[in-house]
Amino acid sequence: MSESVRTASRTAVLVCQGRAAADGRIAAGRFADPVAVRLLQVAERAPVDEVRAGAVPEGWQARVAYEGVRACADVVVPRTVAIDEALRARPTGQLVILGAGLDTRAWRLPELARTDVWEVDHPASQQDKRARLAAAEELPAVARSVRFTPVDFAVDDLGAVLDAAEHDPSAPTTWLWEGVVPYLTRDEVRATVAALAARSAPGSALVVNYQAPSARAAVGRLLARVLRSSMTSGEPWRSLWRPGHMAALLAEYGLRVVSDDDLLTLAHPLGSPAQRRSSLRSGRVAVAEYHRG
């Protein structure tokens, strides 16, 4: 899709629906996101309500929407839990969320009360997010501050954009990069890593979610595009990374991987339905710490 006519991310909506469907149902005590449903429009809440009620709808299109939200809920729970715990362990005072989408952490994690949050995303997606927040009455942020920072990762200078948004590169930063890497080319991924490393003081860390190659996932996404059976079928994956290759890339820029787990492994201790879905092996969450060379 041409960047000049790009619309807000539909993947971000599906992920938000998944979190809303899982809230209070999956991994209780480890996962909760009561904010997600408040960012959804009325029509977007319908399949969420059906999943929560276990009410399988009739009709092909409604069933596809239902199954998409149900499957997404299984995926986002282990991913969200792993990322939240990594953020809690690294209270740096600065959190930059790259490709924030409909992320809710600045509104639901009390551990961010002393943290300044920069939500970095494409202008179209960010405009959509801000409109949804405005429509959700009485939804104050729990983070110390939230700064919306529009950027197109394909063409914009991330460092210059963050300078303008008053990010302090001399202070430690935790970088969160969730649900974005597959939609970028390998060159765009490298450029983003280089940009964030250049703004990372000692003590900084990167939490990155990415996708490893998987024949099953590739076939599933191909069918979705051919049949147009998914709301995200127009947002293709552009790069997949094996753990060793991701670690090597990060190491080039001073980021040493301290953990890297697939979502299936992360799902097991949660007792969620996802622990039986082998397809989750391709999704990964890695944590890397920055060490200046």
Protein backbone atom coordinates (compact mmCIF):
# COMPACT_ATOMS: atom_id res chain seq x y z
CA MET A 1 0.00 0.00 0.00
CA SER A 2 1.29 3.47 -0.83
CA GLU A 3 2.50 5.29 2.26
CA SER A 4 0.73 8.42 1.06
CA VAL A 5 -2.67 6.73 1.33
CA ARG A 6 -1.96 4.43 4.23
CA THR A 7 -4.76 4.04 6.74
CA ALA A 8 -4.67 3.12 10.42
CA SER A 9 -3.39 -0.37 11.17
CA ARG A 10 -6.05 -3.07 11.20
CA THR A 11 -3.62 -5.41 12.92
CA ALA A 12 -3.59 -3.00 15.87
CA VAL A 13 -7.38 -3.30 16.11
CA LEU A 14 -7.28 -7.11 16.02
CA VAL A 15 -4.60 -7.21 18.74
CA CYS A 16 -6.71 -4.87 20.89
CA GLN A 17 -9.74 -7.12 20.33
CA GLY A 18 -7.66 -10.12 21.37
CA ARG A 19 -6.61 -8.46 24.61
CA ALA A 20 -10.18 -7.38 25.33
CA ALA A 21 -11.46 -10.92 24.72
CA ALA A 22 -8.82 -12.41 27.03
CA ASP A 23 -9.24 -9.97 29.91
CA GLY A 24 -10.46 -11.85 32.98
CA ARG A 25 -10.73 -15.13 31.04
CA ILE A 26 -7.20 -16.29 30.28
CA ALA A 27 -4.26 -16.49 32.71
CA ALA A 28 -6.12 -14.69 35.48
CA GLY A 29 -3.69 -13.18 37.94
CA ARG A 30 -0.96 -12.89 35.30
CA PHE A 31 -2.81 -11.13 32.49
CA ALA A 32 -5.31 -8.29 32.61
CA ASP A 33 -6.23 -5.51 30.20
CA PRO A 34 -9.50 -3.81 31.16
CA VAL A 35 -8.54 -0.77 29.06
CA ALA A 36 -8.51 -2.55 25.68
CA VAL A 37 -12.29 -2.82 25.27
CA ARG A 38 -12.65 0.92 25.84
CA LEU A 39 -10.57 1.64 22.75
CA LEU A 40 -12.83 -0.43 20.50
CA GLN A 41 -15.71 0.87 18.44
CA VAL A 42 -19.15 -0.68 18.83
CA ALA A 43 -18.87 -2.95 15.77
CA GLU A 44 -15.40 -4.07 16.84
CA ARG A 45 -16.74 -5.15 20.23
CA ALA A 46 -19.27 -7.58 18.76
CA PRO A 47 -16.86 -10.48 18.07
CA VAL A 48 -15.15 -9.76 21.39
CA ASP A 49 -18.42 -10.22 23.24
CA GLU A 50 -19.11 -13.44 21.30
CA VAL A 51 -15.70 -14.88 22.17
CA ARG A 52 -16.09 -13.98 25.81
CA ALA A 53 -19.53 -15.63 25.87
CA GLY A 54 -18.39 -18.65 23.85
CA ALA A 55 -21.23 -17.90 21.43
CA VAL A 56 -20.13 -19.05 17.98
CA PRO A 57 -22.00 -16.92 15.43
CA GLU A 58 -23.73 -18.12 12.29
CA GLY A 59 -22.63 -16.95 8.88
CA TRP A 60 -19.22 -17.23 7.23
CA GLN A 61 -18.02 -13.66 7.76
CA ALA A 62 -19.11 -13.48 11.38
CA ARG A 63 -17.48 -16.86 12.07
CA VAL A 64 -14.21 -15.70 10.50
CA ALA A 65 -14.20 -12.57 12.68
CA TYR A 66 -14.97 -14.68 15.76
CA GLU A 67 -12.17 -17.17 15.07
CA GLY A 68 -9.71 -14.36 14.34
CA VAL A 69 -10.35 -12.69 17.69
CA ARG A 70 -10.32 -16.00 19.56
CA ALA A 71 -6.99 -17.02 18.01
CA CYS A 72 -5.52 -13.58 18.62
CA ALA A 73 -6.44 -13.76 22.30
CA ASP A 74 -4.41 -16.96 22.61
CA VAL A 75 -1.40 -15.26 21.01
CA VAL A 76 -1.43 -11.93 22.82
CA VAL A 77 -1.70 -13.29 26.36
CA PRO A 78 1.75 -14.93 26.61
CA ARG A 79 3.27 -12.12 24.57
CA THR A 80 1.76 -9.41 26.76
CA VAL A 81 2.67 -11.14 30.02
CA ALA A 82 6.29 -11.60 28.94
CA ILE A 83 6.62 -7.99 27.81
CA ASP A 84 4.91 -6.54 30.90
CA GLU A 85 7.21 -8.50 33.18
CA ALA A 86 10.27 -7.36 31.23
CA LEU A 87 9.16 -3.73 31.57
CA ARG A 88 8.54 -4.08 35.29
CA ALA A 89 12.07 -5.41 35.69
CA ARG A 90 13.56 -2.37 33.90
CA PRO A 91 12.16 0.87 35.39
CA THR A 92 14.41 3.22 33.42
CA GLY A 93 12.22 6.33 33.57
CA GLN A 94 11.95 6.47 29.76
CA LEU A 95 9.87 4.03 27.73
CA VAL A 96 9.70 4.37 23.95
CA ILE A 97 7.05 2.19 22.30
CA LEU A 98 7.86 1.73 18.63
CA GLY A 99 4.76 1.08 16.53
CA ALA A 100 2.50 1.59 19.55
CA GLY A 101 -0.78 0.87 17.79
CA LEU A 102 -3.53 0.56 20.41
CA ASP A 103 -1.09 -0.27 23.22
CA THR A 104 -2.63 0.31 26.67
CA ARG A 105 0.38 0.08 28.99
CA ALA A 106 0.57 3.81 29.75
CA TRP A 107 -3.05 3.55 30.94
CA ARG A 108 -2.92 0.29 32.89
CA LEU A 109 0.56 -0.37 34.35
CA PRO A 110 0.98 1.42 37.71
CA GLU A 111 4.70 0.63 37.54
CA LEU A 112 4.97 3.38 34.90
CA ALA A 113 3.96 6.12 37.36
CA ARG A 114 7.52 7.48 37.28
CA THR A 115 8.07 6.84 33.60
CA ASP A 116 7.79 9.14 30.61
CA VAL A 117 6.30 7.23 27.67
CA TRP A 118 6.78 8.04 24.00
CA GLU A 119 4.26 6.33 21.72
CA VAL A 120 5.89 6.23 18.27
CA ASP A 121 3.70 5.20 15.35
CA HIS A 122 2.64 5.98 11.80
CA PRO A 123 0.61 9.24 11.67
CA ALA A 124 -2.54 7.48 10.42
CA SER A 125 -2.50 4.91 13.21
CA GLN A 126 -1.68 7.52 15.82
CA GLN A 127 -4.52 9.78 14.72
CA ASP A 128 -6.88 6.81 15.05
CA LYS A 129 -5.52 6.00 18.52
CA ARG A 130 -5.97 9.56 19.76
CA ALA A 131 -9.54 9.68 18.45
CA ARG A 132 -10.34 6.47 20.32
CA LEU A 133 -8.80 7.82 23.53
CA ALA A 134 -10.86 10.99 23.19
CA ALA A 135 -14.02 8.90 22.82
CA ALA A 136 -13.17 6.87 25.93
CA GLU A 137 -14.26 9.20 28.71
CA GLU A 138 -12.40 9.32 32.03
CA LEU A 139 -9.40 7.31 30.89
CA PRO A 140 -6.40 9.05 32.47
CA ALA A 141 -2.89 7.75 31.85
CA VAL A 142 -1.08 6.20 34.81
CA ALA A 143 2.34 6.92 33.31
CA ARG A 144 4.06 10.16 34.33
CA SER A 145 3.59 11.47 30.80
CA VAL A 146 2.58 10.20 27.36
CA ARG A 147 4.00 11.87 24.27
CA PHE A 148 2.50 10.94 20.93
CA THR A 149 5.27 10.91 18.35
CA PRO A 150 4.24 10.34 14.71
CA VAL A 151 6.83 8.66 12.48
CA ASP A 152 6.93 6.61 9.30
CA PHE A 153 9.63 4.00 9.91
CA ALA A 154 10.14 3.60 6.16
CA VAL A 155 11.17 7.21 5.51
CA ASP A 156 11.54 9.29 8.70
CA ASP A 157 14.65 9.85 10.82
CA LEU A 158 13.72 8.29 14.16
CA GLY A 159 16.47 10.13 16.01
CA ALA A 160 15.38 13.53 14.73
CA VAL A 161 11.75 12.80 15.56
CA LEU A 162 12.63 11.79 19.13
CA ASP A 163 14.85 14.84 19.54
CA ALA A 164 11.89 17.01 18.67
CA ALA A 165 9.78 15.07 21.20
CA GLU A 166 12.36 15.76 23.95
CA HIS A 167 13.56 12.20 24.43
CA ASP A 168 16.83 12.28 26.43
CA PRO A 169 19.48 10.03 24.82
CA SER A 170 21.84 10.55 27.77
CA ALA A 171 19.46 8.74 30.16
CA PRO A 172 18.67 5.01 30.09
CA THR A 173 15.70 4.06 27.90
CA THR A 174 13.62 0.92 27.65
CA TRP A 175 12.57 0.36 24.05
CA LEU A 176 9.49 -1.74 23.30
CA TRP A 177 9.10 -3.02 19.75
CA GLU A 178 6.01 -5.24 19.66
CA GLY A 179 4.12 -6.47 16.61
CA VAL A 180 6.10 -4.35 14.14
CA VAL A 181 9.21 -6.18 12.93
CA PRO A 182 7.43 -8.59 10.52
CA TYR A 183 5.85 -5.68 8.66
CA LEU A 184 9.23 -4.02 7.95
CA THR A 185 11.87 -5.00 5.41
CA ARG A 186 15.19 -6.26 6.71
CA ASP A 187 16.80 -2.94 5.82
CA GLU A 188 14.11 -1.05 7.73
CA VAL A 189 14.61 -3.30 10.77
CA ARG A 190 18.38 -2.69 10.67
CA ALA A 191 17.92 1.06 10.31
CA THR A 192 15.57 1.17 13.30
CA VAL A 193 17.97 -0.86 15.47
CA ALA A 194 20.80 1.48 14.51
CA ALA A 195 18.69 4.54 15.35
CA LEU A 196 17.59 3.31 18.76
CA ALA A 197 21.06 2.08 19.68
CA ALA A 198 22.45 5.51 18.86
CA ARG A 199 20.08 6.96 21.48
CA SER A 200 20.68 4.31 24.13
CA ALA A 201 22.66 5.22 27.22
CA PRO A 202 24.25 2.46 29.34
CA GLY A 203 21.48 0.71 31.25
CA SER A 204 19.08 0.83 28.31
CA ALA A 205 17.25 -2.26 27.09
CA LEU A 206 15.21 -3.43 24.11
CA VAL A 207 12.17 -5.71 24.35
CA VAL A 208 11.39 -6.93 20.85
CA ASN A 209 8.67 -9.20 19.52
CA TYR A 210 9.38 -10.76 16.13
CA GLN A 211 8.46 -13.72 13.95
CA ALA A 212 10.69 -16.65 13.03
CA PRO A 213 10.17 -18.51 9.72
CA SER A 214 7.30 -21.00 9.84
CA ALA A 215 5.79 -22.95 6.96
CA ARG A 216 2.45 -23.23 8.75
CA ALA A 217 2.25 -19.48 9.42
CA ALA A 218 3.25 -18.69 5.84
CA VAL A 219 0.50 -20.89 4.40
CA GLY A 220 -2.09 -19.47 6.76
CA ARG A 221 -1.30 -15.88 5.89
CA LEU A 222 -1.23 -16.69 2.17
CA LEU A 223 -4.70 -18.22 2.35
CA ALA A 224 -5.98 -15.22 4.29
CA ARG A 225 -4.70 -12.89 1.59
CA VAL A 226 -6.11 -14.96 -1.27
CA LEU A 227 -9.50 -15.38 0.40
CA ARG A 228 -9.43 -11.93 2.04
CA SER A 229 -10.75 -13.72 5.10
CA SER A 230 -8.87 -11.61 7.62
CA MET A 231 -9.10 -7.93 8.49
CA THR A 232 -5.27 -7.87 8.38
CA SER A 233 -4.86 -9.59 5.00
CA GLY A 234 -3.77 -6.32 3.40
CA GLU A 235 -0.84 -5.97 5.80
CA PRO A 236 1.73 -8.57 4.63
CA TRP A 237 4.82 -9.69 6.53
CA ARG A 238 8.06 -8.44 4.99
CA SER A 239 10.79 -9.96 7.16
CA LEU A 240 11.18 -13.04 9.34
CA TRP A 241 14.16 -13.66 11.63
CA ARG A 242 15.75 -16.73 13.13
CA PRO A 243 16.83 -16.16 16.75
CA GLY A 244 20.51 -16.39 15.88
CA HIS A 245 20.17 -13.83 13.11
CA MET A 246 18.24 -11.42 15.35
CA ALA A 247 20.84 -11.78 18.10
CA ALA A 248 23.64 -11.14 15.61
CA LEU A 249 21.93 -8.01 14.30
CA LEU A 250 21.39 -6.61 17.78
CA ALA A 251 24.96 -7.43 18.80
CA GLU A 252 26.28 -5.32 15.93
CA TYR A 253 24.79 -2.31 17.69
CA GLY A 254 25.78 -3.11 21.25
CA LEU A 255 22.62 -4.96 22.30
CA ARG A 256 23.26 -8.30 24.01
CA VAL A 257 20.31 -10.72 24.10
CA VAL A 258 19.67 -11.98 27.63
CA SER A 259 16.49 -13.94 26.85
CA ASP A 260 14.63 -15.04 23.73
CA ASP A 261 11.61 -17.32 24.06
CA ASP A 262 8.91 -18.51 21.69
CA LEU A 263 5.30 -17.83 22.61
CA LEU A 264 4.47 -21.51 23.08
CA THR A 265 7.13 -21.78 25.78
CA LEU A 266 5.85 -18.59 27.39
CA ALA A 267 2.25 -19.89 27.32
CA HIS A 268 2.94 -23.13 29.23
CA PRO A 269 3.17 -21.70 32.78
CA LEU A 270 0.08 -19.57 32.19
CA GLY A 271 -2.27 -22.52 31.74
CA SER A 272 -3.88 -20.82 28.76
CA PRO A 273 -5.41 -22.55 25.72
CA ALA A 274 -2.41 -21.34 23.73
CA GLN A 275 -0.19 -23.95 25.36
CA ARG A 276 -1.68 -26.48 22.92
CA ARG A 277 -1.11 -24.39 19.78
CA SER A 278 2.16 -25.40 18.15
CA SER A 279 1.79 -22.51 15.69
CA LEU A 280 2.88 -20.16 18.47
CA ARG A 281 6.44 -21.41 18.17
CA SER A 282 7.15 -18.87 15.42
CA GLY A 283 6.31 -15.84 17.57
CA ARG A 284 9.11 -14.73 19.88
CA VAL A 285 9.90 -12.17 22.58
CA ALA A 286 13.54 -11.24 23.11
CA VAL A 287 15.11 -8.95 25.69
CA ALA A 288 18.46 -7.32 24.95
CA GLU A 289 20.53 -5.04 27.15
CA TYR A 290 22.65 -2.23 25.78
CA HIS A 291 26.39 -2.20 26.46
CA ARG A 292 28.44 0.54 24.87
CA GLY A 293 31.42 -0.96 23.03
